[in-house]
Amino acid sequence: MNDISTARNDLSIYTDSEIYELTLTGDYQVNTSSLVEYNGLDDLNNVVDVDELLRGQLLTKNQGIALDLGAKITLSDLTIAASVLDLGFINWKKK
């Protein structure tokens, strides 16, 4: 089972009003399980054997799907948030 998710994802662009210079700023946190090995910006390695991933983990006889839903609304000083996690199924054909 593999997962990729972002806990932090912020990207902004700023244009200086006097010299029209562009500044791009980003702040990302990417969480993975066994897909990428990260040791710094100069050392990012793919640790996935694509054939093994397709044969052993993605294309099995046990097929399923799952999703997470969430919503957040802010009204003046009140913020309301709700979520439903791991909504889905697995059709088990093989142990």
N, C-alpha and C. Protein backbone atom coordinates (compact mmCIF):
# COMPACT_ATOMS: atom_id res chain seq x y z
N MET A 1 0.85 -1.16 0.00
CA MET A 1 0.00 0.00 0.00
C MET A 1 0.90 1.23 0.00
N ASN A 2 0.62 2.17 -0.86
CA ASN A 2 1.41 3.38 -0.96
C ASN A 2 0.52 4.60 -0.81
N ASP A 3 1.13 5.69 -0.41
CA ASP A 3 0.38 6.92 -0.18
C ASP A 3 1.27 8.12 -0.48
N ILE A 4 0.68 9.13 -1.06
CA ILE A 4 1.33 10.43 -1.21
C ILE A 4 0.33 11.47 -0.75
N SER A 5 0.75 12.32 0.17
CA SER A 5 -0.13 13.39 0.65
C SER A 5 0.70 14.62 0.99
N THR A 6 0.04 15.76 1.01
CA THR A 6 0.72 16.99 1.38
C THR A 6 0.10 17.54 2.65
N ALA A 7 0.94 17.84 3.61
CA ALA A 7 0.46 18.43 4.86
C ALA A 7 0.52 19.95 4.77
N ARG A 8 1.42 20.45 3.96
CA ARG A 8 1.58 21.90 3.80
C ARG A 8 1.79 22.17 2.32
N ASN A 9 1.01 23.06 1.75
CA ASN A 9 1.20 23.40 0.34
C ASN A 9 0.83 24.87 0.13
N ASP A 10 1.84 25.68 0.02
CA ASP A 10 1.64 27.12 -0.13
C ASP A 10 2.56 27.62 -1.25
N LEU A 11 2.00 28.36 -2.18
CA LEU A 11 2.77 28.92 -3.27
C LEU A 11 2.28 30.34 -3.49
N SER A 12 3.20 31.30 -3.55
CA SER A 12 2.81 32.69 -3.78
C SER A 12 3.78 33.34 -4.76
N ILE A 13 3.26 34.33 -5.47
CA ILE A 13 4.07 35.09 -6.41
C ILE A 13 3.88 36.58 -6.10
N TYR A 14 4.98 37.32 -6.11
CA TYR A 14 4.96 38.74 -5.79
C TYR A 14 5.63 39.51 -6.92
N THR A 15 5.02 40.60 -7.34
CA THR A 15 5.60 41.48 -8.36
C THR A 15 5.95 42.81 -7.70
N ASP A 16 7.22 43.17 -7.76
CA ASP A 16 7.67 44.45 -7.21
C ASP A 16 7.08 45.58 -8.03
N SER A 17 6.49 46.58 -7.38
CA SER A 17 5.80 47.66 -8.09
C SER A 17 6.74 48.65 -8.77
N GLU A 18 8.01 48.70 -8.36
CA GLU A 18 8.93 49.65 -8.95
C GLU A 18 9.73 49.06 -10.12
N ILE A 19 10.23 47.84 -9.97
CA ILE A 19 11.07 47.27 -11.03
C ILE A 19 10.44 46.04 -11.69
N TYR A 20 9.22 45.69 -11.27
CA TYR A 20 8.47 44.57 -11.85
C TYR A 20 9.22 43.25 -11.79
N GLU A 21 10.01 43.09 -10.75
CA GLU A 21 10.71 41.84 -10.52
C GLU A 21 9.75 40.84 -9.88
N LEU A 22 9.79 39.60 -10.33
CA LEU A 22 8.91 38.56 -9.78
C LEU A 22 9.65 37.75 -8.72
N THR A 23 8.95 37.48 -7.62
CA THR A 23 9.48 36.62 -6.57
C THR A 23 8.48 35.50 -6.34
N LEU A 24 8.94 34.27 -6.46
CA LEU A 24 8.11 33.09 -6.26
C LEU A 24 8.55 32.43 -4.96
N THR A 25 7.61 32.21 -4.05
CA THR A 25 7.90 31.60 -2.76
C THR A 25 7.03 30.36 -2.59
N GLY A 26 7.63 29.26 -2.15
CA GLY A 26 6.88 28.03 -1.94
C GLY A 26 7.24 27.38 -0.63
N ASP A 27 6.25 26.74 -0.02
CA ASP A 27 6.44 26.00 1.22
C ASP A 27 5.62 24.72 1.12
N TYR A 28 6.28 23.60 0.93
CA TYR A 28 5.60 22.32 0.75
C TYR A 28 6.12 21.28 1.72
N GLN A 29 5.24 20.42 2.15
CA GLN A 29 5.62 19.23 2.89
C GLN A 29 4.91 18.07 2.22
N VAL A 30 5.67 17.15 1.64
CA VAL A 30 5.11 16.00 0.95
C VAL A 30 5.43 14.76 1.76
N ASN A 31 4.40 14.01 2.09
CA ASN A 31 4.57 12.76 2.84
C ASN A 31 4.35 11.59 1.89
N THR A 32 5.25 10.63 1.91
CA THR A 32 5.11 9.44 1.06
C THR A 32 5.41 8.20 1.88
N SER A 33 4.89 7.09 1.41
CA SER A 33 5.27 5.81 2.01
C SER A 33 5.89 4.95 0.92
N SER A 34 7.19 4.85 0.95
CA SER A 34 8.01 3.99 0.10
C SER A 34 8.12 4.39 -1.37
N LEU A 35 7.66 5.56 -1.76
CA LEU A 35 7.76 5.94 -3.16
C LEU A 35 8.99 6.79 -3.47
N VAL A 36 9.37 7.65 -2.55
CA VAL A 36 10.45 8.58 -2.81
C VAL A 36 11.37 8.63 -1.60
N GLU A 37 12.65 8.65 -1.86
CA GLU A 37 13.63 8.83 -0.80
C GLU A 37 14.19 10.24 -0.94
N TYR A 38 14.01 11.06 0.08
CA TYR A 38 14.41 12.46 0.03
C TYR A 38 15.51 12.72 1.05
N ASN A 39 16.65 13.18 0.57
CA ASN A 39 17.77 13.51 1.45
C ASN A 39 18.24 14.94 1.23
N GLY A 40 17.39 15.80 0.74
CA GLY A 40 17.73 17.19 0.44
C GLY A 40 17.39 17.51 -1.00
N LEU A 41 17.44 18.77 -1.36
CA LEU A 41 17.06 19.20 -2.70
C LEU A 41 17.94 18.60 -3.79
N ASP A 42 19.19 18.32 -3.46
CA ASP A 42 20.10 17.76 -4.46
C ASP A 42 20.10 16.24 -4.49
N ASP A 43 19.33 15.61 -3.61
CA ASP A 43 19.36 14.15 -3.51
C ASP A 43 17.94 13.62 -3.33
N LEU A 44 17.20 13.54 -4.43
CA LEU A 44 15.83 13.04 -4.44
C LEU A 44 15.80 11.80 -5.32
N ASN A 45 15.48 10.65 -4.75
CA ASN A 45 15.56 9.39 -5.48
C ASN A 45 14.23 8.67 -5.51
N ASN A 46 13.91 8.12 -6.66
CA ASN A 46 12.75 7.26 -6.82
C ASN A 46 13.15 5.86 -6.37
N VAL A 47 12.49 5.33 -5.35
CA VAL A 47 12.85 4.01 -4.84
C VAL A 47 11.79 2.96 -5.20
N VAL A 48 11.03 3.22 -6.25
CA VAL A 48 9.96 2.32 -6.65
C VAL A 48 10.40 1.51 -7.86
N ASP A 49 10.23 0.22 -7.78
CA ASP A 49 10.37 -0.65 -8.93
C ASP A 49 8.99 -0.70 -9.58
N VAL A 50 8.82 -0.05 -10.72
CA VAL A 50 7.51 0.09 -11.34
C VAL A 50 6.87 -1.25 -11.65
N ASP A 51 7.65 -2.21 -12.15
CA ASP A 51 7.10 -3.53 -12.43
C ASP A 51 6.57 -4.20 -11.17
N GLU A 52 7.33 -4.12 -10.09
CA GLU A 52 6.89 -4.70 -8.82
C GLU A 52 5.65 -3.99 -8.30
N LEU A 53 5.61 -2.69 -8.43
CA LEU A 53 4.46 -1.92 -7.99
C LEU A 53 3.20 -2.35 -8.73
N LEU A 54 3.30 -2.47 -10.05
CA LEU A 54 2.14 -2.86 -10.85
C LEU A 54 1.71 -4.29 -10.58
N ARG A 55 2.66 -5.21 -10.55
CA ARG A 55 2.33 -6.62 -10.37
C ARG A 55 1.97 -6.94 -8.92
N GLY A 56 2.69 -6.37 -7.97
CA GLY A 56 2.53 -6.79 -6.59
C GLY A 56 1.60 -5.96 -5.74
N GLN A 57 1.42 -4.68 -6.07
CA GLN A 57 0.65 -3.83 -5.17
C GLN A 57 -0.57 -3.19 -5.82
N LEU A 58 -0.49 -2.79 -7.08
CA LEU A 58 -1.63 -2.12 -7.69
C LEU A 58 -2.55 -3.06 -8.45
N LEU A 59 -1.98 -4.01 -9.18
CA LEU A 59 -2.80 -4.88 -10.01
C LEU A 59 -2.96 -6.25 -9.35
N THR A 60 -3.62 -6.27 -8.21
CA THR A 60 -3.89 -7.53 -7.53
C THR A 60 -5.33 -7.93 -7.78
N LYS A 61 -5.71 -9.11 -7.33
CA LYS A 61 -7.09 -9.56 -7.48
C LYS A 61 -8.00 -8.89 -6.46
N ASN A 62 -7.45 -8.31 -5.41
CA ASN A 62 -8.22 -7.61 -4.39
C ASN A 62 -8.32 -6.13 -4.76
N GLN A 63 -9.36 -5.79 -5.49
CA GLN A 63 -9.53 -4.42 -5.97
C GLN A 63 -10.44 -3.63 -5.03
N GLY A 64 -10.20 -2.34 -4.94
CA GLY A 64 -11.04 -1.49 -4.10
C GLY A 64 -10.75 -0.04 -4.38
N ILE A 65 -11.49 0.80 -3.71
CA ILE A 65 -11.32 2.24 -3.84
C ILE A 65 -11.71 2.90 -2.52
N ALA A 66 -11.07 4.00 -2.21
CA ALA A 66 -11.39 4.74 -0.99
C ALA A 66 -11.13 6.21 -1.22
N LEU A 67 -11.85 7.03 -0.49
CA LEU A 67 -11.63 8.47 -0.58
C LEU A 67 -11.93 9.13 0.74
N ASP A 68 -11.42 10.32 0.90
CA ASP A 68 -11.67 11.15 2.07
C ASP A 68 -12.38 12.41 1.61
N LEU A 69 -13.37 12.84 2.36
CA LEU A 69 -14.11 14.05 2.05
C LEU A 69 -14.00 15.02 3.22
N GLY A 70 -13.93 16.29 2.91
CA GLY A 70 -13.86 17.29 3.97
C GLY A 70 -14.40 18.61 3.53
N ALA A 71 -14.88 19.37 4.50
CA ALA A 71 -15.41 20.71 4.22
C ALA A 71 -15.12 21.61 5.41
N LYS A 72 -14.92 22.88 5.10
CA LYS A 72 -14.65 23.87 6.14
C LYS A 72 -15.33 25.17 5.74
N ILE A 73 -16.03 25.78 6.66
CA ILE A 73 -16.70 27.06 6.39
C ILE A 73 -16.42 27.99 7.57
N THR A 74 -16.16 29.24 7.25
CA THR A 74 -15.91 30.25 8.27
C THR A 74 -16.98 31.33 8.15
N LEU A 75 -17.69 31.56 9.23
CA LEU A 75 -18.72 32.59 9.31
C LEU A 75 -18.34 33.56 10.42
N SER A 76 -17.91 34.74 10.06
CA SER A 76 -17.45 35.74 11.04
C SER A 76 -16.38 35.14 11.94
N ASP A 77 -16.70 34.94 13.23
CA ASP A 77 -15.73 34.40 14.19
C ASP A 77 -15.90 32.90 14.42
N LEU A 78 -16.78 32.26 13.67
CA LEU A 78 -17.07 30.84 13.85
C LEU A 78 -16.57 30.04 12.66
N THR A 79 -15.80 28.99 12.94
CA THR A 79 -15.33 28.08 11.90
C THR A 79 -15.89 26.69 12.17
N ILE A 80 -16.50 26.10 11.15
CA ILE A 80 -17.07 24.76 11.26
C ILE A 80 -16.37 23.87 10.24
N ALA A 81 -15.91 22.71 10.69
CA ALA A 81 -15.23 21.76 9.80
C ALA A 81 -15.77 20.36 10.06
N ALA A 82 -15.83 19.57 8.99
CA ALA A 82 -16.28 18.19 9.11
C ALA A 82 -15.55 17.34 8.08
N SER A 83 -15.39 16.06 8.38
CA SER A 83 -14.73 15.18 7.42
C SER A 83 -15.23 13.75 7.58
N VAL A 84 -15.13 13.01 6.49
CA VAL A 84 -15.41 11.58 6.47
C VAL A 84 -14.15 10.94 5.90
N LEU A 85 -13.55 10.02 6.64
CA LEU A 85 -12.29 9.40 6.25
C LEU A 85 -12.47 7.94 5.87
N ASP A 86 -11.69 7.49 4.91
CA ASP A 86 -11.66 6.09 4.49
C ASP A 86 -13.02 5.56 4.08
N LEU A 87 -13.73 6.32 3.29
CA LEU A 87 -15.01 5.90 2.75
C LEU A 87 -14.74 5.09 1.48
N GLY A 88 -15.08 3.80 1.49
CA GLY A 88 -14.79 2.97 0.33
C GLY A 88 -15.01 1.50 0.60
N PHE A 89 -14.41 0.67 -0.24
CA PHE A 89 -14.58 -0.77 -0.12
C PHE A 89 -13.39 -1.50 -0.74
N ILE A 90 -13.25 -2.76 -0.38
CA ILE A 90 -12.30 -3.68 -1.01
C ILE A 90 -13.08 -4.95 -1.36
N ASN A 91 -12.93 -5.39 -2.59
CA ASN A 91 -13.55 -6.62 -3.04
C ASN A 91 -12.51 -7.73 -2.89
N TRP A 92 -12.57 -8.48 -1.77
CA TRP A 92 -11.58 -9.50 -1.45
C TRP A 92 -11.82 -10.75 -2.26
N LYS A 93 -10.85 -11.12 -3.10
CA LYS A 93 -10.93 -12.36 -3.88
C LYS A 93 -9.78 -13.30 -3.54
N LYS A 94 -8.74 -12.76 -2.89
CA LYS A 94 -7.57 -13.55 -2.58
C LYS A 94 -7.01 -13.10 -1.24
N LYS A 95 -6.58 -14.03 -0.40
CA LYS A 95 -6.01 -13.68 0.90
C LYS A 95 -4.58 -13.26 0.75
